[in-house]
Protein backbone atom coordinates (compact mmCIF):
# COMPACT_ATOMS: atom_id res chain seq x y z
CA UNK A 1 9.98 -8.55 -15.71
CA UNK A 2 13.37 -6.91 -15.94
CA UNK A 3 15.43 -3.93 -14.95
CA UNK A 4 14.43 -0.99 -17.16
CA UNK A 5 17.83 0.65 -16.59
CA UNK A 6 16.72 3.95 -15.04
CA UNK A 7 18.97 5.79 -12.64
CA UNK A 8 18.02 5.15 -9.01
CA UNK A 9 16.19 7.83 -7.04
CA UNK A 10 15.31 7.94 -3.35
CA UNK A 11 13.07 10.30 -1.47
CA UNK A 12 10.52 10.93 1.23
CA UNK A 13 6.74 11.15 1.52
CA UNK A 14 5.82 13.42 4.45
CA UNK A 15 2.43 14.21 5.95
CA UNK A 16 1.42 17.86 5.32
CA UNK A 17 0.06 18.36 8.84
CA UNK A 18 -1.05 21.97 9.32
CA UNK A 19 -0.53 21.64 13.08
CA UNK A 20 3.19 20.96 12.50
CA UNK A 21 3.86 23.11 9.44
CA UNK A 22 7.40 24.12 10.42
CA UNK A 23 8.26 20.51 11.18
CA UNK A 24 7.08 19.41 7.73
CA UNK A 25 9.44 21.86 6.03
CA UNK A 26 12.25 20.75 8.36
CA UNK A 27 11.73 17.13 7.27
CA UNK A 28 12.12 18.25 3.66
CA UNK A 29 15.38 19.93 4.62
CA UNK A 30 16.51 16.77 6.42
CA UNK A 31 15.75 14.85 3.22
CA UNK A 32 18.05 17.15 1.24
CA UNK A 33 20.79 17.21 3.90
CA UNK A 34 20.77 13.40 3.98
CA UNK A 35 21.50 13.30 0.25
CA UNK A 36 18.14 12.02 -1.01
CA UNK A 37 16.65 13.12 -4.32
CA UNK A 38 12.92 13.70 -3.86
CA UNK A 39 10.43 15.22 -1.41
CA UNK A 40 6.71 14.57 -1.83
CA UNK A 41 3.51 15.38 0.05
CA UNK A 42 0.01 13.97 -0.23
CA UNK A 43 -2.71 16.12 -1.75
CA UNK A 44 -6.13 16.02 -0.08
CA UNK A 45 -7.55 19.51 -0.70
CA UNK A 46 -10.72 18.70 1.30
CA UNK A 47 -8.77 17.80 4.46
CA UNK A 48 -8.73 20.82 6.83
CA UNK A 49 -5.98 19.29 8.95
CA UNK A 50 -3.58 19.34 5.98
CA UNK A 51 -1.68 22.18 4.38
CA UNK A 52 -2.44 22.91 0.74
CA UNK A 53 -0.05 20.78 -1.25
CA UNK A 54 1.06 23.34 -3.83
CA UNK A 55 1.57 26.08 -1.28
CA UNK A 56 3.63 23.67 0.83
CA UNK A 57 5.70 22.46 -2.13
CA UNK A 58 6.50 26.06 -3.00
CA UNK A 59 7.70 26.70 0.55
CA UNK A 60 9.80 23.52 0.47
CA UNK A 61 11.34 24.49 -2.88
CA UNK A 62 12.22 27.90 -1.42
CA UNK A 63 13.92 26.34 1.62
CA UNK A 64 15.94 23.76 -0.33
CA UNK A 65 18.37 23.95 -3.24
CA UNK A 66 18.71 20.49 -4.77
CA UNK A 67 15.86 18.05 -4.07
CA UNK A 68 13.00 17.68 -6.51
CA UNK A 69 9.48 18.21 -5.16
CA UNK A 70 6.12 16.77 -6.24
CA UNK A 71 2.58 16.04 -5.06
CA UNK A 72 2.03 12.41 -4.21
CA UNK A 73 -0.42 12.54 -5.96
CA UNK A 74 -2.28 15.69 -7.12
CA UNK A 75 -6.07 15.45 -6.82
CA UNK A 76 -7.20 16.14 -10.39
CA UNK A 77 -10.94 16.59 -9.66
CA UNK A 78 -10.20 19.57 -7.38
CA UNK A 79 -7.27 20.94 -9.43
CA UNK A 80 -8.33 21.91 -12.98
CA UNK A 81 -5.62 20.60 -15.30
CA UNK A 82 -5.06 23.93 -17.06
CA UNK A 83 -4.37 25.63 -13.72
CA UNK A 84 -2.33 22.63 -12.54
CA UNK A 85 -0.17 22.80 -15.69
CA UNK A 86 0.63 26.47 -15.15
CA UNK A 87 1.21 25.98 -11.40
CA UNK A 88 3.68 23.15 -11.97
CA UNK A 89 5.48 25.00 -14.76
CA UNK A 90 5.73 28.16 -12.67
CA UNK A 91 7.25 26.33 -9.71
CA UNK A 92 9.60 24.48 -12.03
CA UNK A 93 10.87 27.83 -13.36
CA UNK A 94 11.22 29.35 -9.89
CA UNK A 95 12.98 26.29 -8.44
CA UNK A 96 15.37 25.80 -11.35
CA UNK A 97 13.81 22.65 -12.76
CA UNK A 98 13.04 20.78 -9.56
CA UNK A 99 9.35 19.88 -9.98
CA UNK A 100 7.68 16.62 -10.99
CA UNK A 101 3.94 15.95 -11.17
CA UNK A 102 2.38 13.03 -9.36
CA UNK A 103 -1.19 12.81 -10.65
CA UNK A 104 -4.26 10.84 -9.59
CA UNK A 105 -7.78 10.36 -10.86
CA UNK A 106 -9.31 11.19 -7.48
CA UNK A 107 -10.95 9.33 -4.62
CA UNK A 108 -13.06 10.19 -1.56
CA UNK A 109 -15.89 11.42 -3.76
CA UNK A 110 -18.08 12.51 -0.84
CA UNK A 111 -15.37 14.90 0.32
CA UNK A 112 -14.67 16.09 -3.23
CA UNK A 113 -18.38 16.73 -3.79
CA UNK A 114 -18.64 18.64 -0.52
CA UNK A 115 -16.22 21.20 -1.98
CA UNK A 116 -18.08 21.53 -5.27
CA UNK A 117 -15.99 19.01 -7.19
CA UNK A 118 -17.40 16.40 -9.56
CA UNK A 119 -18.53 12.95 -8.47
CA UNK A 120 -17.21 10.48 -11.04
CA UNK A 121 -17.62 6.78 -11.65
CA UNK A 122 -14.39 4.78 -11.98
CA UNK A 123 -14.71 4.86 -15.76
CA UNK A 124 -15.34 8.60 -15.81
CA UNK A 125 -12.39 9.20 -13.50
CA UNK A 126 -10.03 7.34 -15.85
CA UNK A 127 -11.39 9.18 -18.89
CA UNK A 128 -11.06 12.53 -17.13
CA UNK A 129 -7.47 11.76 -16.17
CA UNK A 130 -6.58 10.95 -19.77
CA UNK A 131 -8.13 14.24 -20.91
CA UNK A 132 -6.40 16.11 -18.09
CA UNK A 133 -3.01 14.79 -19.14
CA UNK A 134 -3.76 15.99 -22.66
CA UNK A 135 -4.57 19.48 -21.36
CA UNK A 136 -1.39 19.63 -19.28
CA UNK A 137 0.88 18.51 -22.10
CA UNK A 138 -0.77 20.92 -24.54
CA UNK A 139 -0.10 23.87 -22.26
CA UNK A 140 3.51 22.80 -21.78
CA UNK A 141 4.14 22.62 -25.56
CA UNK A 142 5.31 25.78 -27.37
CA UNK A 143 3.42 26.66 -30.51
CA UNK A 144 0.11 28.13 -31.46
CA UNK A 145 -3.18 28.09 -29.62
CA UNK A 146 -4.09 24.85 -27.83
CA UNK A 147 -7.46 23.24 -28.41
CA UNK A 148 -8.90 20.04 -26.95
CA UNK A 149 -12.53 18.97 -26.85
CA UNK A 150 -13.28 16.36 -24.21
CA UNK A 151 -16.18 15.21 -22.12
CA UNK A 152 -14.63 16.52 -18.90
CA UNK A 153 -12.06 19.15 -19.98
CA UNK A 154 -11.75 21.52 -22.91
CA UNK A 155 -9.25 23.95 -24.36
CA UNK A 156 -10.54 26.38 -26.94
CA UNK A 157 -7.72 28.45 -28.32
CA UNK A 158 -5.78 28.63 -25.04
CA UNK A 159 -2.30 30.10 -25.12
CA UNK A 160 0.39 27.63 -23.94
CA UNK A 161 2.87 28.63 -21.25
CA UNK A 162 4.66 29.30 -19.07
CA UNK A 163 6.92 26.43 -20.05
CA UNK A 164 8.84 24.23 -17.59
CA UNK A 165 12.60 24.53 -17.69
CA UNK A 166 12.93 20.74 -17.75
CA UNK A 167 10.70 17.88 -18.91
CA UNK A 168 8.37 17.45 -15.93
CA UNK A 169 7.48 13.81 -15.42
CA UNK A 170 3.81 12.92 -15.04
CA UNK A 171 3.84 10.08 -12.52
CA UNK A 172 0.46 8.39 -12.17
CA UNK A 173 -0.89 6.87 -8.99
CA UNK A 174 -2.63 3.74 -10.31
CA UNK A 175 -3.88 0.47 -8.84
CA UNK A 176 -6.78 -0.85 -10.94
CA UNK A 177 -6.25 -2.33 -14.44
CA UNK A 178 -7.78 0.57 -16.39
CA UNK A 179 -5.56 3.05 -14.58
CA UNK A 180 -2.52 0.85 -15.13
CA UNK A 181 -3.27 0.66 -18.85
CA UNK A 182 -3.63 4.45 -18.98
CA UNK A 183 -0.25 4.73 -17.27
CA UNK A 184 1.30 2.59 -19.97
CA UNK A 185 -0.26 4.69 -22.73
CA UNK A 186 0.26 8.18 -21.35
CA UNK A 187 2.36 8.28 -18.20
CA UNK A 188 6.00 9.04 -17.61
CA UNK A 189 5.95 7.04 -14.40
CA UNK A 190 3.90 4.69 -12.24
CA UNK A 191 3.62 5.64 -8.56
CA UNK A 192 1.91 3.03 -6.35
CA UNK A 193 2.24 2.57 -2.57
CA UNK A 194 3.37 -0.68 -0.96
CA UNK A 195 0.37 -0.98 1.43
CA UNK A 196 -1.98 -0.93 -1.59
CA UNK A 197 0.22 -2.70 -4.14
CA UNK A 198 2.52 -5.05 -2.20
CA UNK A 199 5.60 -6.47 -3.91
CA UNK A 200 3.88 -9.68 -4.98
CA UNK A 201 1.41 -7.63 -7.04
CA UNK A 202 4.06 -5.69 -8.92
CA UNK A 203 4.59 -8.30 -11.69
CA UNK A 204 0.95 -8.42 -12.78
CA UNK A 205 0.66 -4.63 -12.64
CA UNK A 206 3.89 -4.13 -14.57
CA UNK A 207 2.64 -6.54 -17.22
CA UNK A 208 -0.48 -4.44 -17.81
CA UNK A 209 1.60 -1.26 -18.06
CA UNK A 210 4.14 -2.85 -20.42
CA UNK A 211 1.50 -4.29 -22.75
CA UNK A 212 -0.37 -0.96 -22.88
CA UNK A 213 2.87 0.92 -23.61
CA UNK A 214 3.78 -1.41 -26.46
CA UNK A 215 0.25 -1.22 -27.89
CA UNK A 216 0.61 2.58 -27.91
CA UNK A 217 3.91 2.36 -29.80
CA UNK A 218 6.02 3.11 -26.72
CA UNK A 219 8.75 1.20 -24.95
CA UNK A 220 7.95 -0.13 -21.45
CA UNK A 221 11.14 1.65 -20.37
CA UNK A 222 9.43 4.96 -21.15
CA UNK A 223 7.49 4.52 -17.91
CA UNK A 224 9.64 4.92 -14.79
CA UNK A 225 8.50 2.69 -11.90
CA UNK A 226 8.39 4.48 -8.53
CA UNK A 227 7.31 3.01 -5.20
CA UNK A 228 6.07 4.61 -1.99
CA UNK A 229 7.35 2.33 0.77
CA UNK A 230 6.47 1.78 4.42
CA UNK A 231 8.58 -0.23 6.86
CA UNK A 232 10.33 -0.51 10.18
CA UNK A 233 13.93 -1.12 11.17
CA UNK A 234 12.86 -2.95 14.31
CA UNK A 235 11.94 -6.35 12.90
CA UNK A 236 13.87 -9.49 12.06
CA UNK A 237 13.25 -9.68 8.34
CA UNK A 238 10.02 -11.68 8.39
CA UNK A 239 8.17 -9.39 5.98
CA UNK A 240 8.62 -6.62 3.46
CA UNK A 241 10.89 -3.90 4.95
CA UNK A 242 10.52 -5.36 8.42
CA UNK A 243 14.07 -5.62 9.64
CA UNK A 244 17.55 -4.06 9.76
CA UNK A 245 18.95 -1.93 6.91
CA UNK A 246 20.63 -4.85 5.14
CA UNK A 247 17.22 -6.52 4.80
CA UNK A 248 15.80 -3.35 3.30
CA UNK A 249 18.75 -3.05 0.91
CA UNK A 250 18.42 -6.61 -0.41
CA UNK A 251 14.66 -6.36 -0.84
CA UNK A 252 14.76 -2.99 -2.59
CA UNK A 253 17.63 -4.04 -4.84
CA UNK A 254 15.65 -7.13 -5.81
CA UNK A 255 12.68 -4.95 -6.77
CA UNK A 256 14.96 -2.72 -8.84
CA UNK A 257 16.52 -5.62 -10.73
CA UNK A 258 13.48 -7.90 -11.08
CA UNK A 259 10.55 -5.46 -11.23
CA UNK A 260 12.23 -2.38 -12.68
CA UNK A 261 11.50 -0.12 -9.70
CA UNK A 262 13.94 2.77 -9.89
CA UNK A 263 12.64 5.22 -7.28
CA UNK A 264 11.89 4.40 -3.65
CA UNK A 265 10.04 7.01 -1.61
CA UNK A 266 9.98 6.47 2.14
CA UNK A 267 6.73 7.40 3.89
CA UNK A 268 8.00 8.72 7.21
CA UNK A 269 7.60 11.71 9.49
CA UNK A 270 10.65 10.81 11.55
CA UNK A 271 13.95 12.58 10.96
CA UNK A 272 15.94 9.68 12.45
CA UNK A 273 14.31 7.15 10.13
CA UNK A 274 14.94 9.37 7.11
CA UNK A 275 18.62 9.78 8.03
CA UNK A 276 19.03 6.06 8.64
CA UNK A 277 17.36 5.22 5.34
CA UNK A 278 19.71 7.62 3.54
CA UNK A 279 22.87 6.54 5.35
CA UNK A 280 22.44 2.77 5.63
CA UNK A 281 19.93 1.62 3.01
CA UNK A 282 20.41 3.85 -0.02
CA UNK A 283 24.18 3.32 -0.53
CA UNK A 284 23.76 -0.44 -0.17
CA UNK A 285 20.94 -0.54 -2.73
CA UNK A 286 23.00 1.51 -5.18
CA UNK A 287 25.96 -0.81 -4.72
CA UNK A 288 23.91 -3.99 -5.15
CA UNK A 289 22.19 -2.72 -8.28
CA UNK A 290 25.36 -1.33 -9.81
CA UNK A 291 27.17 -4.63 -9.28
CA UNK A 292 24.32 -6.61 -10.84
CA UNK A 293 24.09 -4.27 -13.82
CA UNK A 294 27.84 -4.60 -14.34
CA UNK A 295 27.63 -8.37 -14.18
CA UNK A 296 29.78 -8.57 -11.06
CA UNK A 297 28.95 -10.67 -8.02
CA UNK A 298 26.62 -8.62 -5.86
CA UNK A 299 28.18 -7.58 -2.56
CA UNK A 300 26.15 -8.51 0.47
CA UNK A 301 25.59 -5.83 3.12
CA UNK A 302 27.33 -6.54 6.37
CA UNK A 303 24.69 -7.40 8.99
CA UNK A 304 24.46 -5.20 12.04
CA UNK A 305 24.86 -6.71 15.49
CA UNK A 306 21.32 -7.53 16.49
CA UNK A 307 19.66 -7.01 19.81
CA UNK A 308 17.66 -9.92 21.22
CA UNK A 309 14.62 -10.65 19.11
CA UNK A 310 11.54 -8.63 19.93
CA UNK A 311 7.93 -9.65 19.70
CA UNK A 312 7.21 -7.07 16.99
CA UNK A 313 7.89 -9.41 14.07
CA UNK A 314 7.92 -13.18 14.02
CA UNK A 315 9.52 -15.29 11.38
CA UNK A 316 7.29 -17.07 8.92
CA UNK A 317 5.94 -20.42 10.04
CA UNK A 318 7.14 -23.37 8.02
CA UNK A 319 4.52 -25.38 6.19
CA UNK A 320 4.88 -29.14 6.71
CA UNK A 321 5.36 -31.16 3.59
CA UNK A 322 2.64 -33.33 2.08
CA UNK A 323 4.52 -34.08 -1.14
CA UNK A 324 1.68 -35.77 -3.03
CA UNK A 325 -1.19 -33.57 -1.91
CA UNK A 326 -0.80 -30.87 -4.56
CA UNK A 327 -2.35 -28.26 -2.26
CA UNK A 328 -0.11 -25.70 -0.56
CA UNK A 329 -1.20 -24.02 2.70
CA UNK A 330 -0.73 -20.26 2.84
CA UNK A 331 2.45 -19.47 4.80
CA UNK A 332 2.63 -16.78 7.47
CA UNK A 333 5.05 -14.14 6.16
CA UNK A 334 5.77 -12.94 9.69
CA UNK A 335 4.54 -9.37 9.23
CA UNK A 336 2.92 -7.85 12.32
CA UNK A 337 1.33 -4.41 12.41
CA UNK A 338 0.64 -4.25 16.13
CA UNK A 339 2.98 -4.64 19.08
CA UNK A 340 0.18 -6.30 21.06
CA UNK A 341 -0.08 -10.11 21.18
CA UNK A 342 -3.19 -12.05 22.16
CA UNK A 343 -1.46 -15.43 22.20
CA UNK A 344 1.94 -17.09 22.19
CA UNK A 345 2.56 -18.44 18.70
CA UNK A 346 5.51 -20.53 19.88
CA UNK A 347 3.14 -22.58 22.04
CA UNK A 348 1.04 -23.80 19.12
CA UNK A 349 0.90 -27.62 18.92
CA UNK A 350 1.39 -29.49 15.67
CA UNK A 351 -0.52 -32.47 14.37
CA UNK A 352 0.73 -35.76 12.96
CA UNK A 353 3.20 -35.60 10.11
CA UNK A 354 1.71 -36.47 6.70
CA UNK A 355 2.45 -39.87 5.23
CA UNK A 356 5.00 -39.16 2.47
CA UNK A 357 3.85 -42.23 0.53
CA UNK A 358 0.14 -41.44 0.49
CA UNK A 359 -1.60 -40.56 -2.77
CA UNK A 360 -4.61 -38.22 -2.82
CA UNK A 361 -7.55 -38.36 -5.20
CA UNK A 362 -8.83 -35.26 -6.95
CA UNK A 363 -11.80 -35.23 -4.61
CA UNK A 364 -9.48 -35.29 -1.58
CA UNK A 365 -7.33 -32.54 -3.04
CA UNK A 366 -10.44 -30.43 -3.62
CA UNK A 367 -11.48 -30.90 0.01
CA UNK A 368 -8.12 -29.61 1.21
CA UNK A 369 -8.21 -26.73 -1.23
CA UNK A 370 -11.69 -25.75 -0.04
CA UNK A 371 -10.35 -24.56 3.32
CA UNK A 372 -7.77 -22.36 1.58
CA UNK A 373 -10.42 -20.96 -0.75
CA UNK A 374 -12.68 -20.01 2.18
CA UNK A 375 -9.73 -18.44 3.97
CA UNK A 376 -8.69 -16.53 0.83
CA UNK A 377 -12.17 -15.03 0.76
CA UNK A 378 -11.72 -13.91 4.36
CA UNK A 379 -8.31 -12.47 3.52
CA UNK A 380 -9.71 -10.56 0.55
CA UNK A 381 -12.53 -9.18 2.67
CA UNK A 382 -10.05 -8.18 5.36
CA UNK A 383 -7.99 -6.33 2.75
CA UNK A 384 -11.12 -4.42 1.77
CA UNK A 385 -11.80 -3.52 5.40
CA UNK A 386 -8.27 -2.14 5.68
CA UNK A 387 -8.56 -0.29 2.38
CA UNK A 388 -11.82 1.35 3.45
CA UNK A 389 -10.28 2.25 6.81
CA UNK A 390 -7.27 3.88 5.14
CA UNK A 391 -9.47 5.84 2.76
CA UNK A 392 -11.74 7.13 5.49
CA UNK A 393 -8.84 8.06 7.76
CA UNK A 394 -7.03 9.84 4.94
CA UNK A 395 -10.13 11.90 4.17
CA UNK A 396 -11.35 12.27 7.75
CA UNK A 397 -11.48 15.46 9.73
CA UNK A 398 -10.98 15.73 13.47
CA UNK A 399 -14.15 16.93 15.24
CA UNK A 400 -12.10 19.72 16.78
CA UNK A 401 -11.29 21.23 13.39
CA UNK A 402 -14.65 20.70 11.75
CA UNK A 403 -15.87 24.03 10.30
CA UNK A 404 -18.58 23.09 7.88
CA UNK A 405 -21.93 21.40 8.29
CA UNK A 406 -21.54 19.85 4.84
CA UNK A 407 -18.17 18.37 5.72
CA UNK A 408 -19.59 17.06 8.96
CA UNK A 409 -22.32 15.26 7.05
CA UNK A 410 -19.72 13.82 4.68
CA UNK A 411 -17.73 12.53 7.62
CA UNK A 412 -20.80 10.90 9.14
CA UNK A 413 -21.54 9.17 5.85
CA UNK A 414 -17.99 7.84 5.67
CA UNK A 415 -18.20 6.59 9.24
CA UNK A 416 -21.51 4.86 8.57
CA UNK A 417 -20.13 3.17 5.46
CA UNK A 418 -17.04 1.93 7.25
CA UNK A 419 -19.05 0.74 10.25
CA UNK A 420 -21.54 -1.19 8.16
CA UNK A 421 -18.78 -2.91 6.20
CA UNK A 422 -16.73 -3.80 9.27
CA UNK A 423 -19.75 -5.15 11.11
CA UNK A 424 -20.70 -7.30 8.11
CA UNK A 425 -17.18 -8.66 7.86
CA UNK A 426 -17.00 -9.39 11.57
CA UNK A 427 -20.24 -11.38 11.33
CA UNK A 428 -18.77 -13.32 8.39
CA UNK A 429 -15.73 -14.32 10.45
CA UNK A 430 -17.93 -15.30 13.40
CA UNK A 431 -20.16 -17.50 11.25
CA UNK A 432 -17.12 -19.21 9.70
CA UNK A 433 -15.67 -20.00 13.11
CA UNK A 434 -19.01 -21.25 14.43
CA UNK A 435 -19.33 -23.68 11.53
CA UNK A 436 -15.86 -25.03 12.18
CA UNK A 437 -16.41 -25.36 15.93
CA UNK A 438 -19.76 -27.14 15.59
CA UNK A 439 -19.19 -29.40 12.59
CA UNK A 440 -15.69 -29.66 11.12
CA UNK A 441 -13.67 -29.78 14.34
CA UNK A 442 -15.74 -32.52 16.07
CA UNK A 443 -15.51 -34.64 12.92
CA UNK A 444 -11.71 -34.31 12.73
CA UNK A 445 -11.35 -34.99 16.46
CA UNK A 446 -13.34 -38.23 16.13
CA UNK A 447 -11.56 -39.31 12.94
CA UNK A 448 -8.01 -38.80 14.24
CA UNK A 449 -7.48 -38.32 17.98
CA UNK A 450 -3.94 -37.11 17.34
CA UNK A 451 -5.46 -33.84 16.09
CA UNK A 452 -7.06 -33.06 19.48
CA UNK A 453 -4.33 -30.66 20.75
CA UNK A 454 -4.40 -28.72 17.49
CA UNK A 455 -8.19 -28.47 17.48
CA UNK A 456 -8.24 -27.36 21.12
CA UNK A 457 -5.77 -24.62 20.25
CA UNK A 458 -7.71 -23.52 17.17
CA UNK A 459 -10.92 -23.25 19.17
CA UNK A 460 -9.14 -21.21 21.83
CA UNK A 461 -7.86 -18.88 19.10
CA UNK A 462 -11.41 -18.53 17.77
CA UNK A 463 -12.50 -17.20 21.15
CA UNK A 464 -9.53 -14.81 21.22
CA UNK A 465 -10.32 -13.53 17.72
CA UNK A 466 -13.93 -12.89 18.71
CA UNK A 467 -12.60 -10.70 21.52
CA UNK A 468 -10.53 -8.75 19.00
CA UNK A 469 -13.62 -8.35 16.80
CA UNK A 470 -15.49 -6.84 19.75
CA UNK A 471 -12.66 -4.30 20.07
CA UNK A 472 -13.19 -3.33 16.43
CA UNK A 473 -16.87 -2.76 17.18
CA UNK A 474 -16.00 -0.54 20.15
CA UNK A 475 -13.42 1.34 18.08
CA UNK A 476 -16.03 2.12 15.44
CA UNK A 477 -18.11 3.86 18.09
CA UNK A 478 -15.07 5.78 19.34
CA UNK A 479 -14.13 6.75 15.79
CA UNK A 480 -17.30 8.80 15.53
CA UNK A 481 -17.25 10.37 18.99
CA UNK A 482 -13.81 10.30 20.62
CA UNK A 483 -10.82 12.60 19.91
CA UNK A 484 -8.52 9.58 19.62
CA UNK A 485 -11.09 7.52 17.72
CA UNK A 486 -8.99 7.25 14.56
CA UNK A 487 -5.97 5.99 16.51
CA UNK A 488 -8.09 3.43 18.37
CA UNK A 489 -9.71 2.23 15.14
CA UNK A 490 -6.37 1.75 13.40
CA UNK A 491 -4.96 -0.12 16.40
CA UNK A 492 -8.00 -2.41 16.56
CA UNK A 493 -7.96 -3.21 12.83
CA UNK A 494 -4.18 -3.77 12.92
CA UNK A 495 -4.61 -6.25 15.76
CA UNK A 496 -7.46 -7.99 13.93
CA UNK A 497 -5.23 -8.24 10.84
CA UNK A 498 -2.36 -9.76 12.82
CA UNK A 499 -4.43 -12.28 14.72
CA UNK A 500 -6.68 -13.39 11.89
CA UNK A 501 -3.96 -13.80 9.24
CA UNK A 502 -1.72 -15.64 11.68
CA UNK A 503 -4.59 -17.90 12.71
CA UNK A 504 -5.67 -18.70 9.14
CA UNK A 505 -2.12 -19.69 8.17
CA UNK A 506 -1.75 -21.90 11.26
CA UNK A 507 -5.11 -23.56 10.62
CA UNK A 508 -4.20 -24.31 7.01
CA UNK A 509 -0.81 -25.62 8.00
CA UNK A 510 -2.36 -28.12 10.39
CA UNK A 511 -5.70 -29.01 8.76
CA UNK A 512 -5.37 -28.93 4.97
CA UNK A 513 -3.86 -32.40 4.84
CA UNK A 514 -6.19 -33.93 7.49
CA UNK A 515 -9.24 -32.53 5.70
CA UNK A 516 -8.02 -34.08 2.44
CA UNK A 517 -7.39 -37.38 4.21
CA UNK A 518 -10.47 -37.46 6.46
CA UNK A 519 -13.00 -35.32 4.63
CA UNK A 520 -15.15 -32.44 5.88
CA UNK A 521 -17.56 -34.60 7.90
């Protein structure tokens, strides 16, 4: 991939909390005062704890003078595209050309259905989005009557207008391949979020968008790449946006130059973080990208004096070399979501160093790879647990603000679905650990006594992980009944994520080569 050459934009993604309405508008003003370009808010029209996105964006536009505003992203199933087109155009006129349109196909179908919206399959949602974009563009185009006959949306002699005072970009929130291809065909921008599409997934997604754009007779550069980002300034640089501002600047500049990302939107409800992002990260990113585009040596940001290392982020563990094995253990990237620690990673023992002269047969290589494959399955399942958790929490309502029996039933259904999935996953992890403890580990201990300290440590970590799993079970109960249930659930799943991913990487680092050498038993 390459730099598509777009001008760089920076902005914020704030939570439209009804309980703190004045504070939300103040954060938009902070965004403008700090010199950033964009302010966005999420759009969940079924969420009673959130302000209506378009009403809020109008208020923000009225209280600012320069920043552009947009929904991140508008919920098409609950916002008819003809009305959405006229709403966006009207606000663009009123604000002097400061509106963009983030647009999504919809999610949380139980909640959408509870408000009378359609329930669509993934294929129907993509088709409806394509039709919706056609409706919006038709009503923004001067001329005669607009007509469009689709399965989900229709225009039959509608009069276009009012017309935006600038070309509003339609920025599509897309993750799955069909949505990415639609973005390449029809979108003005691609707007993913780093928790759902991490940096290592950008190349494959960009490839789908680029190929779809070219197949539609467009240039890949016609699609601006935007990125909602989440991070912390408190780490040591062991993960994506987990460290001081110079780490952020280098990582974001790399994404701009290598993956064509030209807009970075910080998800934060903290004024201090927004100001620091604007003052210390944004200028450095602009400088790095400008230097690279000009062909000059890229200046390196001056590092800040660092306080003693905290336990929040640990550096990635190094994987010992087995040069002829041909199987690479999964490294620990150092990212930690929770401040809690259930063990001391620095106390982990290491096994015997691999013999650099040893050659491994294909059968031995396959045995070593098998452990990674099993762990990759666990990692994929864990990602699904986190995705379901994020979806439910984003569409959840607090029991104290519940007003509707229908919405209450929807919430119960979401809770049940999440609980069933988490419980199934927790059983899967438990079974995997039991098999290792009762069969694989005794075999390795007998075959090579030098592995005993490592195996003892791995078994101890299994017990610790089972304790974390029990906390997830308890949090699921609290999620349904306790006021702070959502907070407890997120904390428990974050801790499970930290401990399990760290453990799997350590186990691969120490056992992939011994399993290849000694077999599975």
